[in-house]
N, C-alpha and C. Protein backbone atom coordinates (compact mmCIF):
# COMPACT_ATOMS: atom_id res chain seq x y z
N MET A 1 0.84 -1.19 0.00
CA MET A 1 0.00 0.00 0.00
C MET A 1 0.89 1.25 0.00
N THR A 2 0.45 2.23 -0.76
CA THR A 2 1.16 3.50 -0.86
C THR A 2 0.22 4.62 -0.50
N ARG A 3 0.70 5.57 0.28
CA ARG A 3 -0.09 6.75 0.67
C ARG A 3 0.23 7.86 -0.31
N LEU A 4 -0.80 8.38 -1.00
CA LEU A 4 -0.60 9.35 -2.07
C LEU A 4 -1.37 10.64 -1.84
N PHE A 5 -0.86 11.71 -2.45
CA PHE A 5 -1.60 12.97 -2.53
C PHE A 5 -1.10 13.77 -3.73
N ALA A 6 -1.99 14.57 -4.30
CA ALA A 6 -1.64 15.47 -5.40
C ALA A 6 -1.45 16.86 -4.80
N ALA A 7 -0.43 17.58 -5.30
CA ALA A 7 -0.11 18.88 -4.70
C ALA A 7 0.63 19.77 -5.68
N LEU A 8 0.76 21.03 -5.29
CA LEU A 8 1.65 21.95 -5.97
C LEU A 8 2.93 22.00 -5.15
N ALA A 9 4.06 21.77 -5.80
CA ALA A 9 5.35 21.94 -5.14
C ALA A 9 5.62 23.44 -5.05
N LEU A 10 6.39 23.83 -4.06
CA LEU A 10 6.73 25.23 -3.88
C LEU A 10 8.13 25.51 -4.40
N PRO A 11 8.34 26.68 -4.98
CA PRO A 11 9.69 27.02 -5.43
C PRO A 11 10.64 27.17 -4.24
N PRO A 12 11.93 26.92 -4.45
CA PRO A 12 12.90 27.00 -3.34
C PRO A 12 12.89 28.34 -2.60
N ALA A 13 12.75 29.45 -3.31
CA ALA A 13 12.76 30.75 -2.64
C ALA A 13 11.59 30.89 -1.68
N LEU A 14 10.43 30.39 -2.04
CA LEU A 14 9.27 30.45 -1.15
C LEU A 14 9.47 29.52 0.05
N ARG A 15 10.02 28.34 -0.18
CA ARG A 15 10.28 27.43 0.95
C ARG A 15 11.23 28.09 1.96
N THR A 16 12.24 28.79 1.43
CA THR A 16 13.18 29.49 2.32
C THR A 16 12.47 30.58 3.10
N THR A 17 11.65 31.38 2.42
CA THR A 17 10.90 32.44 3.08
C THR A 17 10.02 31.88 4.19
N LEU A 18 9.32 30.79 3.90
CA LEU A 18 8.44 30.17 4.90
C LEU A 18 9.23 29.61 6.08
N SER A 19 10.46 29.18 5.83
CA SER A 19 11.26 28.60 6.92
C SER A 19 11.61 29.64 7.98
N PHE A 20 11.56 30.94 7.62
CA PHE A 20 11.84 31.98 8.61
C PHE A 20 10.75 32.06 9.68
N LEU A 21 9.61 31.44 9.45
CA LEU A 21 8.52 31.44 10.42
C LEU A 21 8.69 30.36 11.49
N ARG A 22 9.67 29.49 11.32
CA ARG A 22 9.83 28.31 12.17
C ARG A 22 10.42 28.62 13.54
N SER A 23 9.65 29.22 14.42
CA SER A 23 10.19 29.46 15.76
C SER A 23 9.08 29.90 16.70
N GLY A 24 9.40 29.80 17.99
CA GLY A 24 8.58 30.42 19.00
C GLY A 24 7.42 29.63 19.55
N ILE A 25 7.29 28.36 19.15
CA ILE A 25 6.16 27.60 19.70
C ILE A 25 6.68 26.27 20.25
N PRO A 26 6.76 26.16 21.57
CA PRO A 26 7.14 24.87 22.15
C PRO A 26 6.10 23.81 21.77
N GLY A 27 6.57 22.62 21.48
CA GLY A 27 5.67 21.53 21.10
C GLY A 27 5.33 21.49 19.62
N ALA A 28 5.88 22.43 18.85
CA ALA A 28 5.62 22.43 17.40
C ALA A 28 6.60 21.49 16.71
N ARG A 29 6.08 20.70 15.79
CA ARG A 29 6.93 19.88 14.91
C ARG A 29 6.85 20.55 13.54
N TRP A 30 7.86 21.35 13.23
CA TRP A 30 7.87 22.14 12.01
C TRP A 30 8.10 21.25 10.79
N VAL A 31 7.39 21.53 9.73
CA VAL A 31 7.56 20.81 8.47
C VAL A 31 8.87 21.27 7.87
N GLU A 32 9.68 20.33 7.43
CA GLU A 32 10.95 20.67 6.80
C GLU A 32 10.68 21.45 5.51
N PRO A 33 11.51 22.45 5.21
CA PRO A 33 11.26 23.29 4.03
C PRO A 33 11.06 22.49 2.74
N GLU A 34 11.82 21.44 2.53
CA GLU A 34 11.69 20.67 1.28
C GLU A 34 10.37 19.90 1.21
N ALA A 35 9.66 19.78 2.31
CA ALA A 35 8.39 19.06 2.33
C ALA A 35 7.18 19.99 2.24
N LEU A 36 7.39 21.30 2.22
CA LEU A 36 6.27 22.24 2.14
C LEU A 36 5.62 22.15 0.77
N HIS A 37 4.29 22.21 0.74
CA HIS A 37 3.54 22.06 -0.51
C HIS A 37 2.11 22.57 -0.29
N ILE A 38 1.35 22.66 -1.37
CA ILE A 38 -0.07 22.99 -1.30
C ILE A 38 -0.83 21.76 -1.79
N THR A 39 -1.50 21.07 -0.89
CA THR A 39 -2.24 19.88 -1.27
C THR A 39 -3.43 20.26 -2.14
N LEU A 40 -3.60 19.50 -3.23
CA LEU A 40 -4.76 19.66 -4.10
C LEU A 40 -5.80 18.59 -3.80
N ARG A 41 -5.33 17.38 -3.48
CA ARG A 41 -6.25 16.27 -3.15
C ARG A 41 -5.48 15.20 -2.41
N PHE A 42 -5.88 14.91 -1.17
CA PHE A 42 -5.32 13.78 -0.45
C PHE A 42 -6.00 12.53 -0.98
N ILE A 43 -5.22 11.55 -1.35
CA ILE A 43 -5.76 10.32 -1.93
C ILE A 43 -5.80 9.22 -0.89
N GLY A 44 -4.76 9.10 -0.11
CA GLY A 44 -4.72 8.09 0.95
C GLY A 44 -4.01 6.83 0.52
N GLU A 45 -4.21 5.77 1.30
CA GLU A 45 -3.56 4.48 1.07
C GLU A 45 -4.21 3.76 -0.11
N VAL A 46 -3.40 3.37 -1.08
CA VAL A 46 -3.91 2.65 -2.24
C VAL A 46 -2.98 1.48 -2.55
N ASP A 47 -3.55 0.46 -3.22
CA ASP A 47 -2.73 -0.66 -3.67
C ASP A 47 -2.09 -0.30 -5.01
N GLY A 48 -1.23 -1.20 -5.51
CA GLY A 48 -0.51 -0.94 -6.75
C GLY A 48 -1.41 -0.73 -7.95
N HIS A 49 -2.50 -1.49 -8.04
CA HIS A 49 -3.43 -1.35 -9.16
C HIS A 49 -4.10 0.03 -9.14
N THR A 50 -4.56 0.44 -7.96
CA THR A 50 -5.21 1.75 -7.83
C THR A 50 -4.21 2.86 -8.09
N GLU A 51 -2.97 2.69 -7.66
CA GLU A 51 -1.94 3.70 -7.93
C GLU A 51 -1.76 3.88 -9.43
N SER A 52 -1.75 2.79 -10.18
CA SER A 52 -1.66 2.88 -11.64
C SER A 52 -2.86 3.61 -12.22
N ASP A 53 -4.05 3.33 -11.70
CA ASP A 53 -5.26 4.02 -12.16
C ASP A 53 -5.17 5.51 -11.87
N VAL A 54 -4.66 5.87 -10.69
CA VAL A 54 -4.50 7.28 -10.32
C VAL A 54 -3.54 7.97 -11.28
N LEU A 55 -2.40 7.34 -11.54
CA LEU A 55 -1.43 7.92 -12.47
C LEU A 55 -2.03 8.14 -13.84
N GLY A 56 -2.73 7.14 -14.35
CA GLY A 56 -3.36 7.26 -15.66
C GLY A 56 -4.41 8.36 -15.70
N ALA A 57 -5.19 8.47 -14.63
CA ALA A 57 -6.24 9.48 -14.59
C ALA A 57 -5.64 10.89 -14.53
N LEU A 58 -4.62 11.08 -13.69
CA LEU A 58 -4.04 12.41 -13.53
C LEU A 58 -3.34 12.87 -14.81
N GLN A 59 -2.82 11.93 -15.60
CA GLN A 59 -2.17 12.29 -16.86
C GLN A 59 -3.16 12.92 -17.85
N MET A 60 -4.43 12.67 -17.68
CA MET A 60 -5.45 13.18 -18.60
C MET A 60 -5.88 14.61 -18.30
N ILE A 61 -5.47 15.13 -17.16
CA ILE A 61 -5.92 16.48 -16.75
C ILE A 61 -5.20 17.54 -17.56
N ARG A 62 -5.98 18.47 -18.08
CA ARG A 62 -5.45 19.62 -18.79
C ARG A 62 -5.92 20.88 -18.05
N ALA A 63 -4.97 21.71 -17.70
CA ALA A 63 -5.27 22.98 -17.02
C ALA A 63 -4.12 23.94 -17.29
N ARG A 64 -4.37 25.18 -17.09
CA ARG A 64 -3.36 26.22 -17.29
C ARG A 64 -2.52 26.41 -16.02
N ALA A 65 -1.31 26.91 -16.22
CA ALA A 65 -0.45 27.28 -15.11
C ALA A 65 -1.20 28.28 -14.22
N ILE A 66 -0.86 28.28 -12.95
CA ILE A 66 -1.60 29.06 -11.96
C ILE A 66 -0.65 29.98 -11.21
N THR A 67 -1.02 31.24 -11.08
CA THR A 67 -0.27 32.14 -10.21
C THR A 67 -0.87 32.04 -8.82
N VAL A 68 -0.01 31.78 -7.85
CA VAL A 68 -0.45 31.52 -6.48
C VAL A 68 0.15 32.57 -5.55
N GLY A 69 -0.71 33.19 -4.76
CA GLY A 69 -0.27 34.14 -3.76
C GLY A 69 -0.36 33.54 -2.37
N ILE A 70 0.60 33.89 -1.53
CA ILE A 70 0.65 33.36 -0.17
C ILE A 70 0.56 34.55 0.78
N GLU A 71 -0.41 34.49 1.70
CA GLU A 71 -0.53 35.58 2.67
C GLU A 71 -1.21 35.10 3.94
N GLY A 72 -0.73 35.61 5.05
CA GLY A 72 -1.32 35.33 6.34
C GLY A 72 -0.94 33.97 6.90
N VAL A 73 -1.27 33.79 8.15
CA VAL A 73 -1.06 32.52 8.84
C VAL A 73 -2.32 32.21 9.62
N GLY A 74 -2.47 30.95 10.00
CA GLY A 74 -3.64 30.55 10.77
C GLY A 74 -3.38 29.23 11.46
N GLN A 75 -4.44 28.71 12.05
CA GLN A 75 -4.35 27.44 12.79
C GLN A 75 -5.54 26.57 12.46
N PHE A 76 -5.35 25.29 12.59
CA PHE A 76 -6.46 24.34 12.59
C PHE A 76 -6.63 23.89 14.02
N GLY A 77 -7.88 23.81 14.46
CA GLY A 77 -8.20 23.46 15.84
C GLY A 77 -8.43 24.72 16.64
N ASP A 78 -9.67 25.06 16.88
CA ASP A 78 -9.98 26.32 17.53
C ASP A 78 -9.51 26.37 18.98
N LYS A 79 -10.07 25.50 19.82
CA LYS A 79 -9.74 25.54 21.24
C LYS A 79 -8.46 24.78 21.56
N LYS A 80 -8.17 23.77 20.73
CA LYS A 80 -6.94 23.00 20.92
C LYS A 80 -6.21 22.98 19.58
N PRO A 81 -5.37 23.98 19.33
CA PRO A 81 -4.69 24.05 18.03
C PRO A 81 -3.85 22.80 17.76
N HIS A 82 -3.97 22.26 16.53
CA HIS A 82 -3.19 21.07 16.18
C HIS A 82 -2.31 21.28 14.95
N ALA A 83 -2.46 22.42 14.26
CA ALA A 83 -1.58 22.71 13.11
C ALA A 83 -1.55 24.20 12.84
N LEU A 84 -0.40 24.66 12.34
CA LEU A 84 -0.24 26.03 11.86
C LEU A 84 -0.12 25.99 10.35
N TRP A 85 -0.65 27.02 9.68
CA TRP A 85 -0.58 27.06 8.24
C TRP A 85 -0.31 28.47 7.74
N ALA A 86 0.24 28.54 6.53
CA ALA A 86 0.34 29.80 5.78
C ALA A 86 -0.81 29.78 4.79
N GLY A 87 -1.43 30.93 4.62
CA GLY A 87 -2.62 31.01 3.77
C GLY A 87 -2.29 31.11 2.29
N VAL A 88 -3.16 30.54 1.50
CA VAL A 88 -3.09 30.66 0.04
C VAL A 88 -4.23 31.57 -0.37
N LYS A 89 -3.90 32.63 -1.09
CA LYS A 89 -4.94 33.57 -1.51
C LYS A 89 -5.97 32.84 -2.36
N PRO A 90 -7.24 33.10 -2.11
CA PRO A 90 -8.27 32.45 -2.93
C PRO A 90 -8.07 32.81 -4.40
N ALA A 91 -8.12 31.79 -5.24
CA ALA A 91 -7.96 32.00 -6.68
C ALA A 91 -8.79 30.96 -7.41
N GLU A 92 -9.62 31.42 -8.30
CA GLU A 92 -10.49 30.52 -9.06
C GLU A 92 -9.71 29.46 -9.84
N PRO A 93 -8.58 29.79 -10.49
CA PRO A 93 -7.85 28.75 -11.22
C PRO A 93 -7.36 27.61 -10.31
N LEU A 94 -6.96 27.94 -9.10
CA LEU A 94 -6.52 26.90 -8.15
C LEU A 94 -7.69 26.02 -7.75
N ALA A 95 -8.82 26.63 -7.45
CA ALA A 95 -10.02 25.87 -7.08
C ALA A 95 -10.47 24.99 -8.24
N ARG A 96 -10.38 25.50 -9.48
CA ARG A 96 -10.76 24.69 -10.65
C ARG A 96 -9.84 23.49 -10.82
N LEU A 97 -8.53 23.69 -10.63
CA LEU A 97 -7.60 22.57 -10.75
C LEU A 97 -7.91 21.51 -9.68
N ALA A 98 -8.12 21.93 -8.45
CA ALA A 98 -8.46 20.97 -7.39
C ALA A 98 -9.75 20.24 -7.73
N ALA A 99 -10.75 20.94 -8.27
CA ALA A 99 -12.02 20.31 -8.64
C ALA A 99 -11.82 19.33 -9.79
N LYS A 100 -10.98 19.68 -10.76
CA LYS A 100 -10.70 18.75 -11.88
C LYS A 100 -10.06 17.47 -11.36
N ILE A 101 -9.11 17.63 -10.46
CA ILE A 101 -8.44 16.46 -9.90
C ILE A 101 -9.45 15.62 -9.14
N GLU A 102 -10.30 16.25 -8.34
CA GLU A 102 -11.33 15.53 -7.59
C GLU A 102 -12.24 14.75 -8.53
N GLN A 103 -12.77 15.41 -9.55
CA GLN A 103 -13.68 14.75 -10.49
C GLN A 103 -12.99 13.60 -11.23
N THR A 104 -11.75 13.83 -11.64
CA THR A 104 -11.00 12.80 -12.36
C THR A 104 -10.76 11.58 -11.49
N LEU A 105 -10.41 11.80 -10.23
CA LEU A 105 -10.16 10.67 -9.34
C LEU A 105 -11.44 9.92 -9.01
N GLN A 106 -12.55 10.63 -8.89
CA GLN A 106 -13.82 9.95 -8.67
C GLN A 106 -14.18 9.08 -9.88
N ARG A 107 -13.96 9.61 -11.09
CA ARG A 107 -14.24 8.81 -12.29
C ARG A 107 -13.34 7.58 -12.36
N ALA A 108 -12.14 7.69 -11.75
CA ALA A 108 -11.22 6.55 -11.72
C ALA A 108 -11.58 5.56 -10.62
N GLY A 109 -12.64 5.85 -9.86
CA GLY A 109 -13.12 4.90 -8.87
C GLY A 109 -12.80 5.24 -7.42
N LEU A 110 -12.13 6.34 -7.16
CA LEU A 110 -11.84 6.71 -5.77
C LEU A 110 -13.07 7.34 -5.13
N PRO A 111 -13.24 7.16 -3.84
CA PRO A 111 -14.37 7.80 -3.16
C PRO A 111 -14.17 9.31 -3.12
N PRO A 112 -15.26 10.07 -3.05
CA PRO A 112 -15.13 11.53 -3.00
C PRO A 112 -14.47 12.00 -1.71
N GLU A 113 -13.77 13.11 -1.82
CA GLU A 113 -13.21 13.77 -0.64
C GLU A 113 -14.38 14.39 0.12
N THR A 114 -14.43 14.18 1.41
CA THR A 114 -15.57 14.67 2.18
C THR A 114 -15.31 16.05 2.79
N ARG A 115 -14.04 16.44 2.87
CA ARG A 115 -13.72 17.76 3.45
C ARG A 115 -13.74 18.83 2.36
N ARG A 116 -14.19 20.02 2.74
CA ARG A 116 -14.18 21.15 1.83
C ARG A 116 -12.72 21.52 1.52
N TYR A 117 -12.44 21.85 0.26
CA TYR A 117 -11.08 22.20 -0.13
C TYR A 117 -10.71 23.57 0.42
N THR A 118 -9.66 23.60 1.21
CA THR A 118 -9.14 24.83 1.81
C THR A 118 -7.64 24.88 1.54
N PRO A 119 -7.23 25.57 0.47
CA PRO A 119 -5.80 25.56 0.15
C PRO A 119 -4.98 26.27 1.23
N HIS A 120 -3.88 25.66 1.60
CA HIS A 120 -2.99 26.18 2.64
C HIS A 120 -1.66 25.46 2.54
N ILE A 121 -0.69 25.95 3.29
CA ILE A 121 0.61 25.30 3.41
C ILE A 121 0.78 24.97 4.89
N THR A 122 0.80 23.71 5.24
CA THR A 122 1.00 23.33 6.63
C THR A 122 2.44 23.65 7.02
N LEU A 123 2.58 24.45 8.07
CA LEU A 123 3.89 24.86 8.56
C LEU A 123 4.37 23.98 9.71
N ALA A 124 3.43 23.60 10.59
CA ALA A 124 3.81 22.83 11.78
C ALA A 124 2.61 22.05 12.29
N ARG A 125 2.91 20.93 12.91
CA ARG A 125 1.90 20.19 13.65
C ARG A 125 2.19 20.43 15.13
N LEU A 126 1.13 20.60 15.90
CA LEU A 126 1.28 21.02 17.28
C LEU A 126 0.90 19.91 18.24
N LYS A 127 1.69 19.79 19.28
CA LYS A 127 1.38 18.85 20.35
C LYS A 127 1.71 19.56 21.65
N ASP A 128 0.71 19.68 22.49
CA ASP A 128 0.90 20.32 23.78
C ASP A 128 1.34 21.78 23.67
N SER A 129 1.00 22.45 22.58
CA SER A 129 1.28 23.88 22.46
C SER A 129 0.12 24.65 23.07
N THR A 130 0.44 25.66 23.84
CA THR A 130 -0.63 26.40 24.52
C THR A 130 -1.36 27.31 23.53
N PRO A 131 -2.68 27.40 23.66
CA PRO A 131 -3.42 28.31 22.79
C PRO A 131 -2.91 29.75 22.87
N ALA A 132 -2.45 30.18 24.04
CA ALA A 132 -1.93 31.55 24.18
C ALA A 132 -0.67 31.74 23.34
N ARG A 133 0.22 30.75 23.34
CA ARG A 133 1.46 30.87 22.56
C ARG A 133 1.15 30.83 21.07
N VAL A 134 0.19 29.99 20.67
CA VAL A 134 -0.22 29.93 19.27
C VAL A 134 -0.83 31.27 18.86
N ALA A 135 -1.66 31.84 19.71
CA ALA A 135 -2.27 33.14 19.42
C ALA A 135 -1.20 34.22 19.27
N GLN A 136 -0.17 34.16 20.09
CA GLN A 136 0.93 35.12 19.98
C GLN A 136 1.64 34.96 18.64
N PHE A 137 1.93 33.72 18.24
CA PHE A 137 2.57 33.46 16.94
C PHE A 137 1.72 34.03 15.81
N LEU A 138 0.40 33.79 15.86
CA LEU A 138 -0.49 34.28 14.82
C LEU A 138 -0.49 35.81 14.78
N ALA A 139 -0.53 36.44 15.95
CA ALA A 139 -0.53 37.91 15.99
C ALA A 139 0.78 38.47 15.45
N GLU A 140 1.90 37.83 15.78
CA GLU A 140 3.20 38.31 15.32
C GLU A 140 3.39 38.13 13.81
N ASN A 141 2.68 37.17 13.21
CA ASN A 141 2.91 36.84 11.79
C ASN A 141 1.69 37.06 10.90
N ASN A 142 0.66 37.72 11.43
CA ASN A 142 -0.59 37.82 10.67
C ASN A 142 -0.46 38.65 9.39
N LEU A 143 0.55 39.47 9.27
CA LEU A 143 0.75 40.25 8.05
C LEU A 143 1.71 39.58 7.07
N PHE A 144 2.04 38.33 7.33
CA PHE A 144 2.98 37.61 6.45
C PHE A 144 2.49 37.63 5.01
N ARG A 145 3.39 37.92 4.10
CA ARG A 145 3.13 37.88 2.66
C ARG A 145 4.38 37.34 1.99
N ALA A 146 4.19 36.62 0.91
CA ALA A 146 5.31 36.13 0.12
C ALA A 146 5.06 36.48 -1.34
N GLU A 147 6.12 36.56 -2.09
CA GLU A 147 6.03 36.85 -3.52
C GLU A 147 5.21 35.76 -4.19
N PRO A 148 4.23 36.12 -5.04
CA PRO A 148 3.47 35.10 -5.76
C PRO A 148 4.40 34.27 -6.65
N PHE A 149 3.97 33.04 -6.92
CA PHE A 149 4.73 32.19 -7.84
C PHE A 149 3.77 31.58 -8.85
N THR A 150 4.32 31.14 -9.97
CA THR A 150 3.50 30.48 -10.99
C THR A 150 3.80 28.99 -10.95
N ALA A 151 2.76 28.21 -10.70
CA ALA A 151 2.88 26.75 -10.70
C ALA A 151 2.71 26.27 -12.14
N THR A 152 3.72 25.61 -12.67
CA THR A 152 3.68 25.12 -14.05
C THR A 152 3.45 23.62 -14.12
N GLU A 153 3.26 23.00 -12.96
CA GLU A 153 2.96 21.58 -12.90
C GLU A 153 2.31 21.27 -11.56
N PHE A 154 1.63 20.13 -11.51
CA PHE A 154 1.22 19.59 -10.22
C PHE A 154 1.86 18.23 -10.10
N VAL A 155 1.94 17.74 -8.87
CA VAL A 155 2.77 16.57 -8.57
C VAL A 155 1.96 15.53 -7.82
N LEU A 156 2.24 14.27 -8.10
CA LEU A 156 1.72 13.17 -7.29
C LEU A 156 2.85 12.74 -6.36
N TYR A 157 2.61 12.89 -5.06
CA TYR A 157 3.58 12.51 -4.04
C TYR A 157 3.16 11.22 -3.37
N SER A 158 4.17 10.45 -2.95
CA SER A 158 3.90 9.38 -1.99
C SER A 158 4.43 9.87 -0.65
N SER A 159 3.78 9.43 0.41
CA SER A 159 4.11 9.85 1.76
C SER A 159 4.51 8.62 2.55
N HIS A 160 5.66 8.69 3.18
CA HIS A 160 6.17 7.57 3.97
C HIS A 160 6.36 8.08 5.40
N LEU A 161 5.60 7.53 6.33
CA LEU A 161 5.65 7.99 7.70
C LEU A 161 6.82 7.37 8.44
N GLY A 162 7.54 8.20 9.17
CA GLY A 162 8.67 7.74 9.97
C GLY A 162 8.67 8.42 11.32
N ARG A 163 9.67 8.13 12.11
CA ARG A 163 9.75 8.71 13.45
C ARG A 163 9.88 10.23 13.43
N GLN A 164 10.52 10.75 12.41
CA GLN A 164 10.71 12.20 12.31
C GLN A 164 9.59 12.88 11.53
N GLY A 165 8.51 12.16 11.25
CA GLY A 165 7.41 12.73 10.48
C GLY A 165 7.34 12.09 9.10
N ALA A 166 6.59 12.72 8.22
CA ALA A 166 6.41 12.18 6.88
C ALA A 166 7.55 12.59 5.96
N HIS A 167 7.91 11.68 5.08
CA HIS A 167 8.90 11.96 4.02
C HIS A 167 8.16 11.79 2.71
N TYR A 168 8.30 12.77 1.83
CA TYR A 168 7.56 12.75 0.57
C TYR A 168 8.50 12.45 -0.59
N ARG A 169 7.97 11.69 -1.54
CA ARG A 169 8.71 11.38 -2.76
C ARG A 169 7.82 11.69 -3.96
N VAL A 170 8.38 12.36 -4.95
CA VAL A 170 7.64 12.65 -6.18
C VAL A 170 7.49 11.35 -6.96
N GLU A 171 6.25 10.97 -7.23
CA GLU A 171 5.98 9.78 -8.04
C GLU A 171 5.79 10.15 -9.51
N ALA A 172 5.22 11.32 -9.75
CA ALA A 172 5.02 11.80 -11.12
C ALA A 172 4.73 13.29 -11.07
N ALA A 173 5.09 13.99 -12.15
CA ALA A 173 4.78 15.40 -12.28
C ALA A 173 3.96 15.57 -13.56
N PHE A 174 2.96 16.44 -13.49
CA PHE A 174 2.03 16.64 -14.60
C PHE A 174 2.08 18.11 -15.00
N PRO A 175 2.56 18.40 -16.20
CA PRO A 175 2.71 19.80 -16.61
C PRO A 175 1.36 20.49 -16.78
N LEU A 176 1.36 21.76 -16.47
CA LEU A 176 0.22 22.62 -16.72
C LEU A 176 0.53 23.45 -17.97
N ASP A 177 -0.48 23.71 -18.77
CA ASP A 177 -0.29 24.48 -19.99
C ASP A 177 0.12 25.91 -19.65
N PRO A 178 0.86 26.56 -20.56
CA PRO A 178 1.24 27.95 -20.28
C PRO A 178 0.01 28.82 -20.07
N PRO A 179 0.14 29.86 -19.24
CA PRO A 179 -1.02 30.73 -19.01
C PRO A 179 -1.38 31.47 -20.29
N LEU A 180 -2.63 31.81 -20.40
CA LEU A 180 -3.07 32.63 -21.54
C LEU A 180 -2.44 34.01 -21.41
N THR A 181 -2.00 34.53 -22.52
CA THR A 181 -1.47 35.90 -22.52
C THR A 181 -2.43 36.77 -23.30
N GLU A 182 -2.49 37.99 -22.85
CA GLU A 182 -3.36 38.93 -23.57
C GLU A 182 -2.68 39.31 -24.86
N SER A 183 -3.44 39.32 -25.94
CA SER A 183 -2.85 39.68 -27.23
C SER A 183 -2.62 41.18 -27.29
N ALA A 184 -1.57 41.53 -27.97
CA ALA A 184 -1.23 42.95 -28.11
C ALA A 184 -2.22 43.63 -29.03
N PRO A 185 -2.54 44.91 -28.79
CA PRO A 185 -3.52 45.60 -29.64
C PRO A 185 -2.97 45.86 -31.04
């Protein structure tokens, strides 16, 4: 069985920028910069046959490159925070790509994703972090902004859980078509 997810990889400069946020919260397990990504669809544990079906289905997706903006920080878990994230600016092209991937995987026989799609970059997982310290981190970083980037592909990752957290491996990359350009007058 292989644990899979589709995502946008982040450019090295953005991963470096995000790594500057890695401090100030006891009990935080920070995501390593090379593992930062924007999940498009968590697929989960699949057997070899289903993995082949997923690969074949994702190869059929056609979409344009996407400009992605990153701003703000937040948490998952209101009263008991369990994760910190950097925000992804809402963008219709990103939502359309995630929806295409969802529809394609359902047609390939996977069950539908039950959670609403909320694009974000997980920065840290929290264990025994106090809500007050998390609130302080959020207040100190709430104006965070990063330079937008253009995603020219999406990636199928496998996830391998270990003692130090998850390790991701690129299983396949799927190019996105160049963005439409406005024609000159």
